Amino acid sequence: MELLAAVGLILPAALDIAPVMVPVTALCWVLLMVGAMITHLRNGEAKFIVLNLVYLALATYVAWGRFGPGSFTG
């Protein structure tokens, strides 16, 4: 799932085929990372939450940049 999300973040913008899919994929990645953090908390794996927070911040940045006023699709 994470590999497909990485492809969804890169290929649509690089190939200029449905570039609106980049922010949609980034939002889905945010939801995936929230679920991963919940799962790591329940399993007592707190050290992985920091990594999930980094991925979550990057995906939020991409989604905000692509949906925001200076987006490439506008």
PDB file of N, CA and C in Angstrom:
ATOM      1  N   MET A   1       0.825  -1.176   0.000  1.00  0.00           N
ATOM      2  CA  MET A   1       0.000   0.000   0.000  1.00  0.00           C
ATOM      3  C   MET A   1       0.879   1.253   0.000  1.00  0.00           C
ATOM      4  N   GLU A   2       1.945   1.225   0.799  1.00  0.00           N
ATOM      5  CA  GLU A   2       2.821   2.398   0.861  1.00  0.00           C
ATOM      6  C   GLU A   2       3.561   2.604  -0.456  1.00  0.00           C
ATOM      7  N   LEU A   3       3.914   1.519  -1.118  1.00  0.00           N
ATOM      8  CA  LEU A   3       4.590   1.626  -2.412  1.00  0.00           C
ATOM      9  C   LEU A   3       3.656   2.225  -3.464  1.00  0.00           C
ATOM     10  N   LEU A   4       2.415   1.809  -3.459  1.00  0.00           N
ATOM     11  CA  LEU A   4       1.438   2.389  -4.388  1.00  0.00           C
ATOM     12  C   LEU A   4       1.195   3.867  -4.094  1.00  0.00           C
ATOM     13  N   ALA A   5       1.197   4.233  -2.834  1.00  0.00           N
ATOM     14  CA  ALA A   5       1.025   5.646  -2.473  1.00  0.00           C
ATOM     15  C   ALA A   5       2.215   6.465  -2.953  1.00  0.00           C
ATOM     16  N   ALA A   6       3.417   5.909  -2.856  1.00  0.00           N
ATOM     17  CA  ALA A   6       4.599   6.624  -3.347  1.00  0.00           C
ATOM     18  C   ALA A   6       4.521   6.823  -4.857  1.00  0.00           C
ATOM     19  N   VAL A   7       4.060   5.824  -5.570  1.00  0.00           N
ATOM     20  CA  VAL A   7       3.879   5.954  -7.022  1.00  0.00           C
ATOM     21  C   VAL A   7       2.811   6.999  -7.318  1.00  0.00           C
ATOM     22  N   GLY A   8       1.748   7.011  -6.538  1.00  0.00           N
ATOM     23  CA  GLY A   8       0.673   7.984  -6.723  1.00  0.00           C
ATOM     24  C   GLY A   8       1.091   9.409  -6.412  1.00  0.00           C
ATOM     25  N   LEU A   9       2.110   9.572  -5.592  1.00  0.00           N
ATOM     26  CA  LEU A   9       2.609  10.912  -5.301  1.00  0.00           C
ATOM     27  C   LEU A   9       3.542  11.430  -6.391  1.00  0.00           C
ATOM     28  N   ILE A  10       4.214  10.547  -7.092  1.00  0.00           N
ATOM     29  CA  ILE A  10       5.250  10.953  -8.036  1.00  0.00           C
ATOM     30  C   ILE A  10       4.770  10.944  -9.490  1.00  0.00           C
ATOM     31  N   LEU A  11       4.214   9.839  -9.940  1.00  0.00           N
ATOM     32  CA  LEU A  11       3.924   9.677 -11.368  1.00  0.00           C
ATOM     33  C   LEU A  11       2.890  10.645 -11.951  1.00  0.00           C
ATOM     34  N   PRO A  12       1.771  10.914 -11.293  1.00  0.00           N
ATOM     35  CA  PRO A  12       0.808  11.821 -11.929  1.00  0.00           C
ATOM     36  C   PRO A  12       1.383  13.201 -12.239  1.00  0.00           C
ATOM     37  N   ALA A  13       2.177  13.735 -11.359  1.00  0.00           N
ATOM     38  CA  ALA A  13       2.765  15.051 -11.606  1.00  0.00           C
ATOM     39  C   ALA A  13       3.896  14.965 -12.615  1.00  0.00           C
ATOM     40  N   ALA A  14       4.689  13.906 -12.542  1.00  0.00           N
ATOM     41  CA  ALA A  14       5.829  13.768 -13.447  1.00  0.00           C
ATOM     42  C   ALA A  14       5.388  13.530 -14.892  1.00  0.00           C
ATOM     43  N   LEU A  15       4.323  12.770 -15.065  1.00  0.00           N
ATOM     44  CA  LEU A  15       3.843  12.455 -16.412  1.00  0.00           C
ATOM     45  C   LEU A  15       2.738  13.394 -16.877  1.00  0.00           C
ATOM     46  N   ASP A  16       2.298  14.299 -16.007  1.00  0.00           N
ATOM     47  CA  ASP A  16       1.216  15.250 -16.291  1.00  0.00           C
ATOM     48  C   ASP A  16      -0.069  14.536 -16.705  1.00  0.00           C
ATOM     49  N   ILE A  17      -0.333  13.419 -16.039  1.00  0.00           N
ATOM     50  CA  ILE A  17      -1.565  12.667 -16.250  1.00  0.00           C
ATOM     51  C   ILE A  17      -2.347  12.715 -14.945  1.00  0.00           C
ATOM     52  N   ALA A  18      -3.447  13.403 -14.932  1.00  0.00           N
ATOM     53  CA  ALA A  18      -4.296  13.564 -13.744  1.00  0.00           C
ATOM     54  C   ALA A  18      -3.503  14.045 -12.541  1.00  0.00           C
ATOM     55  N   PRO A  19      -2.890  15.234 -12.632  1.00  0.00           N
ATOM     56  CA  PRO A  19      -2.089  15.717 -11.496  1.00  0.00           C
ATOM     57  C   PRO A  19      -2.905  15.990 -10.239  1.00  0.00           C
ATOM     58  N   VAL A  20      -4.231  16.021 -10.343  1.00  0.00           N
ATOM     59  CA  VAL A  20      -5.068  16.210  -9.159  1.00  0.00           C
ATOM     60  C   VAL A  20      -4.973  14.995  -8.235  1.00  0.00           C
ATOM     61  N   MET A  21      -4.488  13.881  -8.748  1.00  0.00           N
ATOM     62  CA  MET A  21      -4.347  12.682  -7.924  1.00  0.00           C
ATOM     63  C   MET A  21      -3.240  12.811  -6.881  1.00  0.00           C
ATOM     64  N   VAL A  22      -2.291  13.728  -7.091  1.00  0.00           N
ATOM     65  CA  VAL A  22      -1.198  13.896  -6.128  1.00  0.00           C
ATOM     66  C   VAL A  22      -1.717  14.356  -4.765  1.00  0.00           C
ATOM     67  N   PRO A  23      -2.503  15.428  -4.672  1.00  0.00           N
ATOM     68  CA  PRO A  23      -2.987  15.810  -3.340  1.00  0.00           C
ATOM     69  C   PRO A  23      -3.982  14.812  -2.757  1.00  0.00           C
ATOM     70  N   VAL A  24      -4.753  14.162  -3.614  1.00  0.00           N
ATOM     71  CA  VAL A  24      -5.683  13.142  -3.120  1.00  0.00           C
ATOM     72  C   VAL A  24      -4.891  11.988  -2.507  1.00  0.00           C
ATOM     73  N   THR A  25      -3.836  11.583  -3.184  1.00  0.00           N
ATOM     74  CA  THR A  25      -2.973  10.529  -2.653  1.00  0.00           C
ATOM     75  C   THR A  25      -2.308  10.977  -1.361  1.00  0.00           C
ATOM     76  N   ALA A  26      -1.898  12.232  -1.293  1.00  0.00           N
ATOM     77  CA  ALA A  26      -1.273  12.742  -0.066  1.00  0.00           C
ATOM     78  C   ALA A  26      -2.253  12.714   1.101  1.00  0.00           C
ATOM     79  N   LEU A  27      -3.501  13.051   0.853  1.00  0.00           N
ATOM     80  CA  LEU A  27      -4.503  12.983   1.924  1.00  0.00           C
ATOM     81  C   LEU A  27      -4.739  11.540   2.370  1.00  0.00           C
ATOM     82  N   CYS A  28      -4.756  10.626   1.418  1.00  0.00           N
ATOM     83  CA  CYS A  28      -4.898   9.215   1.770  1.00  0.00           C
ATOM     84  C   CYS A  28      -3.691   8.733   2.569  1.00  0.00           C
ATOM     85  N   TRP A  29      -2.504   9.231   2.229  1.00  0.00           N
ATOM     86  CA  TRP A  29      -1.296   8.890   2.974  1.00  0.00           C
ATOM     87  C   TRP A  29      -1.388   9.393   4.417  1.00  0.00           C
ATOM     88  N   VAL A  30      -1.953  10.593   4.592  1.00  0.00           N
ATOM     89  CA  VAL A  30      -2.149  11.131   5.945  1.00  0.00           C
ATOM     90  C   VAL A  30      -3.038  10.192   6.751  1.00  0.00           C
ATOM     91  N   LEU A  31      -4.126   9.745   6.158  1.00  0.00           N
ATOM     92  CA  LEU A  31      -5.018   8.822   6.853  1.00  0.00           C
ATOM     93  C   LEU A  31      -4.325   7.501   7.162  1.00  0.00           C
ATOM     94  N   LEU A  32      -3.498   7.020   6.239  1.00  0.00           N
ATOM     95  CA  LEU A  32      -2.751   5.794   6.456  1.00  0.00           C
ATOM     96  C   LEU A  32      -1.784   5.946   7.624  1.00  0.00           C
ATOM     97  N   MET A  33      -1.124   7.079   7.719  1.00  0.00           N
ATOM     98  CA  MET A  33      -0.168   7.300   8.804  1.00  0.00           C
ATOM     99  C   MET A  33      -0.869   7.458  10.150  1.00  0.00           C
ATOM    100  N   VAL A  34      -2.043   8.061  10.165  1.00  0.00           N
ATOM    101  CA  VAL A  34      -2.818   8.153  11.414  1.00  0.00           C
ATOM    102  C   VAL A  34      -3.194   6.752  11.878  1.00  0.00           C
ATOM    103  N   GLY A  35      -3.633   5.919  10.955  1.00  0.00           N
ATOM    104  CA  GLY A  35      -3.946   4.528  11.299  1.00  0.00           C
ATOM    105  C   GLY A  35      -2.721   3.761  11.766  1.00  0.00           C
ATOM    106  N   ALA A  36      -1.581   4.023  11.144  1.00  0.00           N
ATOM    107  CA  ALA A  36      -0.351   3.356  11.554  1.00  0.00           C
ATOM    108  C   ALA A  36       0.055   3.778  12.964  1.00  0.00           C
ATOM    109  N   MET A  37      -0.112   5.062  13.277  1.00  0.00           N
ATOM    110  CA  MET A  37       0.234   5.529  14.623  1.00  0.00           C
ATOM    111  C   MET A  37      -0.674   4.895  15.677  1.00  0.00           C
ATOM    112  N   ILE A  38      -1.942   4.778  15.372  1.00  0.00           N
ATOM    113  CA  ILE A  38      -2.871   4.133  16.305  1.00  0.00           C
ATOM    114  C   ILE A  38      -2.487   2.671  16.514  1.00  0.00           C
ATOM    115  N   THR A  39      -2.150   1.994  15.429  1.00  0.00           N
ATOM    116  CA  THR A  39      -1.750   0.595  15.521  1.00  0.00           C
ATOM    117  C   THR A  39      -0.474   0.434  16.335  1.00  0.00           C
ATOM    118  N   HIS A  40       0.508   1.310  16.111  1.00  0.00           N
ATOM    119  CA  HIS A  40       1.756   1.224  16.866  1.00  0.00           C
ATOM    120  C   HIS A  40       1.525   1.517  18.351  1.00  0.00           C
ATOM    121  N   LEU A  41       0.632   2.443  18.648  1.00  0.00           N
ATOM    122  CA  LEU A  41       0.309   2.726  20.051  1.00  0.00           C
ATOM    123  C   LEU A  41      -0.328   1.521  20.730  1.00  0.00           C
ATOM    124  N   ARG A  42      -1.255   0.882  20.039  1.00  0.00           N
ATOM    125  CA  ARG A  42      -1.937  -0.283  20.613  1.00  0.00           C
ATOM    126  C   ARG A  42      -0.991  -1.459  20.823  1.00  0.00           C
ATOM    127  N   ASN A  43       0.022  -1.579  19.954  1.00  0.00           N
ATOM    128  CA  ASN A  43       0.973  -2.687  20.068  1.00  0.00           C
ATOM    129  C   ASN A  43       2.156  -2.352  20.966  1.00  0.00           C
ATOM    130  N   GLY A  44       2.180  -1.160  21.528  1.00  0.00           N
ATOM    131  CA  GLY A  44       3.257  -0.766  22.419  1.00  0.00           C
ATOM    132  C   GLY A  44       4.563  -0.465  21.704  1.00  0.00           C
ATOM    133  N   GLU A  45       4.482  -0.053  20.450  1.00  0.00           N
ATOM    134  CA  GLU A  45       5.671   0.253  19.648  1.00  0.00           C
ATOM    135  C   GLU A  45       5.790   1.762  19.477  1.00  0.00           C
ATOM    136  N   ALA A  46       6.072   2.436  20.575  1.00  0.00           N
ATOM    137  CA  ALA A  46       6.085   3.897  20.570  1.00  0.00           C
ATOM    138  C   ALA A  46       7.224   4.476  19.737  1.00  0.00           C
ATOM    139  N   LYS A  47       8.313   3.737  19.555  1.00  0.00           N
ATOM    140  CA  LYS A  47       9.452   4.280  18.820  1.00  0.00           C
ATOM    141  C   LYS A  47       9.139   4.486  17.333  1.00  0.00           C
ATOM    142  N   PHE A  48       8.163   3.768  16.793  1.00  0.00           N
ATOM    143  CA  PHE A  48       7.814   3.923  15.385  1.00  0.00           C
ATOM    144  C   PHE A  48       6.903   5.121  15.137  1.00  0.00           C
ATOM    145  N   ILE A  49       6.323   5.662  16.185  1.00  0.00           N
ATOM    146  CA  ILE A  49       5.406   6.792  16.030  1.00  0.00           C
ATOM    147  C   ILE A  49       6.139   8.031  15.525  1.00  0.00           C
ATOM    148  N   VAL A  50       7.381   8.194  15.922  1.00  0.00           N
ATOM    149  CA  VAL A  50       8.159   9.347  15.447  1.00  0.00           C
ATOM    150  C   VAL A  50       8.330   9.277  13.934  1.00  0.00           C
ATOM    151  N   LEU A  51       8.627   8.101  13.416  1.00  0.00           N
ATOM    152  CA  LEU A  51       8.753   7.935  11.971  1.00  0.00           C
ATOM    153  C   LEU A  51       7.427   8.216  11.264  1.00  0.00           C
ATOM    154  N   ASN A  52       6.334   7.722  11.848  1.00  0.00           N
ATOM    155  CA  ASN A  52       5.023   7.999  11.273  1.00  0.00           C
ATOM    156  C   ASN A  52       4.693   9.481  11.288  1.00  0.00           C
ATOM    157  N   LEU A  53       5.120  10.195  12.332  1.00  0.00           N
ATOM    158  CA  LEU A  53       4.892  11.639  12.391  1.00  0.00           C
ATOM    159  C   LEU A  53       5.664  12.374  11.290  1.00  0.00           C
ATOM    160  N   VAL A  54       6.856  11.910  10.993  1.00  0.00           N
ATOM    161  CA  VAL A  54       7.634  12.521   9.908  1.00  0.00           C
ATOM    162  C   VAL A  54       6.924  12.313   8.581  1.00  0.00           C
ATOM    163  N   TYR A  55       6.485  11.088   8.320  1.00  0.00           N
ATOM    164  CA  TYR A  55       5.753  10.813   7.079  1.00  0.00           C
ATOM    165  C   TYR A  55       4.451  11.599   7.015  1.00  0.00           C
ATOM    166  N   LEU A  56       3.772  11.707   8.143  1.00  0.00           N
ATOM    167  CA  LEU A  56       2.529  12.461   8.198  1.00  0.00           C
ATOM    168  C   LEU A  56       2.773  13.932   7.893  1.00  0.00           C
ATOM    169  N   ALA A  57       3.835  14.505   8.446  1.00  0.00           N
ATOM    170  CA  ALA A  57       4.152  15.913   8.190  1.00  0.00           C
ATOM    171  C   ALA A  57       4.495  16.137   6.717  1.00  0.00           C
ATOM    172  N   LEU A  58       5.249  15.235   6.123  1.00  0.00           N
ATOM    173  CA  LEU A  58       5.593  15.379   4.704  1.00  0.00           C
ATOM    174  C   LEU A  58       4.364  15.280   3.810  1.00  0.00           C
ATOM    175  N   ALA A  59       3.494  14.330   4.102  1.00  0.00           N
ATOM    176  CA  ALA A  59       2.283  14.173   3.301  1.00  0.00           C
ATOM    177  C   ALA A  59       1.351  15.371   3.468  1.00  0.00           C
ATOM    178  N   THR A  60       1.264  15.904   4.679  1.00  0.00           N
ATOM    179  CA  THR A  60       0.453  17.100   4.909  1.00  0.00           C
ATOM    180  C   THR A  60       1.005  18.284   4.134  1.00  0.00           C
ATOM    181  N   TYR A  61       2.322  18.401   4.112  1.00  0.00           N
ATOM    182  CA  TYR A  61       2.969  19.483   3.355  1.00  0.00           C
ATOM    183  C   TYR A  61       2.660  19.368   1.861  1.00  0.00           C
ATOM    184  N   VAL A  62       2.736  18.176   1.319  1.00  0.00           N
ATOM    185  CA  VAL A  62       2.435  17.967  -0.106  1.00  0.00           C
ATOM    186  C   VAL A  62       0.971  18.269  -0.390  1.00  0.00           C
ATOM    187  N   ALA A  63       0.072  17.776   0.442  1.00  0.00           N
ATOM    188  CA  ALA A  63      -1.359  18.022   0.227  1.00  0.00           C
ATOM    189  C   ALA A  63      -1.677  19.507   0.327  1.00  0.00           C
ATOM    190  N   TRP A  64      -1.116  20.187   1.326  1.00  0.00           N
ATOM    191  CA  TRP A  64      -1.359  21.620   1.482  1.00  0.00           C
ATOM    192  C   TRP A  64      -0.785  22.391   0.292  1.00  0.00           C
ATOM    193  N   GLY A  65       0.382  22.014  -0.161  1.00  0.00           N
ATOM    194  CA  GLY A  65       1.007  22.711  -1.293  1.00  0.00           C
ATOM    195  C   GLY A  65       0.257  22.488  -2.593  1.00  0.00           C
ATOM    196  N   ARG A  66      -0.293  21.315  -2.775  1.00  0.00           N
ATOM    197  CA  ARG A  66      -1.012  21.016  -4.010  1.00  0.00           C
ATOM    198  C   ARG A  66      -2.449  21.523  -4.007  1.00  0.00           C
ATOM    199  N   PHE A  67      -3.109  21.535  -2.858  1.00  0.00           N
ATOM    200  CA  PHE A  67      -4.468  22.072  -2.779  1.00  0.00           C
ATOM    201  C   PHE A  67      -4.488  23.563  -2.541  1.00  0.00           C
ATOM    202  N   GLY A  68      -3.374  24.118  -2.094  1.00  0.00           N
ATOM    203  CA  GLY A  68      -3.291  25.518  -1.692  1.00  0.00           C
ATOM    204  C   GLY A  68      -3.320  26.487  -2.875  1.00  0.00           C
ATOM    205  N   PRO A  69      -3.137  27.770  -2.593  1.00  0.00           N
ATOM    206  CA  PRO A  69      -3.243  28.804  -3.625  1.00  0.00           C
ATOM    207  C   PRO A  69      -2.136  28.742  -4.668  1.00  0.00           C
ATOM    208  N   GLY A  70      -1.001  28.171  -4.343  1.00  0.00           N
ATOM    209  CA  GLY A  70       0.098  28.111  -5.307  1.00  0.00           C
ATOM    210  C   GLY A  70       0.272  26.744  -5.933  1.00  0.00           C
ATOM    211  N   SER A  71      -0.824  26.012  -6.114  1.00  0.00           N
ATOM    212  CA  SER A  71      -0.719  24.645  -6.605  1.00  0.00           C
ATOM    213  C   SER A  71      -0.339  24.623  -8.090  1.00  0.00           C
ATOM    214  N   PHE A  72       0.237  23.507  -8.493  1.00  0.00           N
ATOM    215  CA  PHE A  72       0.649  23.336  -9.881  1.00  0.00           C
ATOM    216  C   PHE A  72      -0.528  23.082 -10.811  1.00  0.00           C
ATOM    217  N   THR A  73      -1.635  22.606 -10.286  1.00  0.00           N
ATOM    218  CA  THR A  73      -2.775  22.245 -11.118  1.00  0.00           C
ATOM    219  C   THR A  73      -3.646  23.445 -11.470  1.00  0.00           C
ATOM    220  N   GLY A  74      -3.492  24.555 -10.731  1.00  0.00           N
ATOM    221  CA  GLY A  74      -4.362  25.712 -10.910  1.00  0.00           C
ATOM    222  C   GLY A  74      -3.971  26.523 -12.068  1.00  0.00           C
TER     223      GLY A  74
END
